[in-house]
Amino acid sequence: MAVVFRISSLASLTVAVLTPVWFLLLSPSKPGVLVLLLAMAILIFIRHGANIRRLLAGEEPRIGAAKASSAA
């Protein structure tokens, strides 16, 4: 995701979603760990609400893009 779209927060949120999915596919016999991974994914999404809003608005900065100047 980071290589294709050059947005680090998108890559991080994708990993947060896919980690429990991959764990379920590879280790379905450990439900306690799966619950922990799901809880962590939910907390990541709650904590990064501002990033998600910027992503949806198309305003999230891209990797390697020039930062906006903060001249006062």
Protein backbone atom coordinates (compact mmCIF):
# COMPACT_ATOMS: atom_id res chain seq x y z
CA MET A 1 0.00 0.00 0.00
CA ALA A 2 2.76 2.42 0.89
CA VAL A 3 4.61 1.70 -2.35
CA VAL A 4 1.54 1.92 -4.57
CA PHE A 5 -0.36 4.82 -2.99
CA ARG A 6 2.52 6.50 -1.08
CA ILE A 7 0.32 7.06 1.99
CA SER A 8 1.78 5.61 5.17
CA SER A 9 -1.42 5.88 7.22
CA LEU A 10 -3.31 3.90 4.57
CA ALA A 11 -0.66 1.19 4.76
CA SER A 12 -0.87 1.12 8.55
CA LEU A 13 -4.66 0.89 8.60
CA THR A 14 -4.54 -1.87 5.99
CA VAL A 15 -2.17 -3.87 8.18
CA ALA A 16 -4.47 -3.31 11.18
CA VAL A 17 -7.35 -4.85 9.21
CA LEU A 18 -5.42 -7.69 7.60
CA THR A 19 -3.52 -8.91 10.68
CA PRO A 20 -6.57 -10.53 12.35
CA VAL A 21 -7.70 -11.94 8.99
CA TRP A 22 -4.35 -13.59 8.30
CA PHE A 23 -4.12 -14.85 11.85
CA LEU A 24 -7.58 -16.42 11.56
CA LEU A 25 -6.56 -18.13 8.33
CA LEU A 26 -3.21 -19.37 9.65
CA SER A 27 -3.97 -20.11 13.34
CA PRO A 28 -7.71 -20.61 13.83
CA SER A 29 -7.15 -22.68 16.99
CA LYS A 30 -6.11 -19.68 19.14
CA PRO A 31 -9.27 -17.58 19.68
CA GLY A 32 -7.77 -15.59 22.56
CA VAL A 33 -5.09 -14.13 20.36
CA LEU A 34 -7.63 -13.40 17.64
CA VAL A 35 -9.77 -11.44 20.11
CA LEU A 36 -6.71 -9.44 21.14
CA LEU A 37 -5.82 -8.67 17.51
CA LEU A 38 -9.38 -7.59 16.76
CA ALA A 39 -9.41 -5.32 19.81
CA MET A 40 -6.11 -3.78 18.74
CA ALA A 41 -7.43 -3.18 15.21
CA ILE A 42 -10.54 -1.47 16.60
CA LEU A 43 -8.46 0.72 18.90
CA ILE A 44 -6.17 1.69 16.02
CA PHE A 45 -9.17 2.81 13.96
CA ILE A 46 -10.67 4.74 16.88
CA ARG A 47 -7.35 6.42 17.64
CA HIS A 48 -6.67 7.36 14.01
CA GLY A 49 -10.07 8.88 13.20
CA ALA A 50 -8.45 12.12 12.02
CA ASN A 51 -6.24 10.22 9.59
CA ILE A 52 -9.26 8.34 8.25
CA ARG A 53 -11.17 11.60 7.72
CA ARG A 54 -8.18 13.07 5.84
CA LEU A 55 -7.90 9.91 3.72
CA LEU A 56 -11.58 10.08 2.79
CA ALA A 57 -11.23 13.77 1.96
CA GLY A 58 -8.11 13.13 -0.13
CA GLU A 59 -6.04 15.40 2.12
CA GLU A 60 -3.67 12.89 3.75
CA PRO A 61 -0.02 13.74 2.94
CA ARG A 62 1.87 11.37 0.68
CA ILE A 63 5.25 9.85 1.37
CA GLY A 64 7.95 12.05 -0.13
CA ALA A 65 5.62 14.98 -0.80
CA ALA A 66 6.82 18.45 0.13
CA LYS A 67 5.42 19.60 3.45
CA ALA A 68 3.21 22.67 3.48
CA SER A 69 5.14 25.68 4.68
CA SER A 70 4.04 27.07 8.00
CA ALA A 71 5.08 30.67 7.51
CA ALA A 72 3.64 32.92 10.19
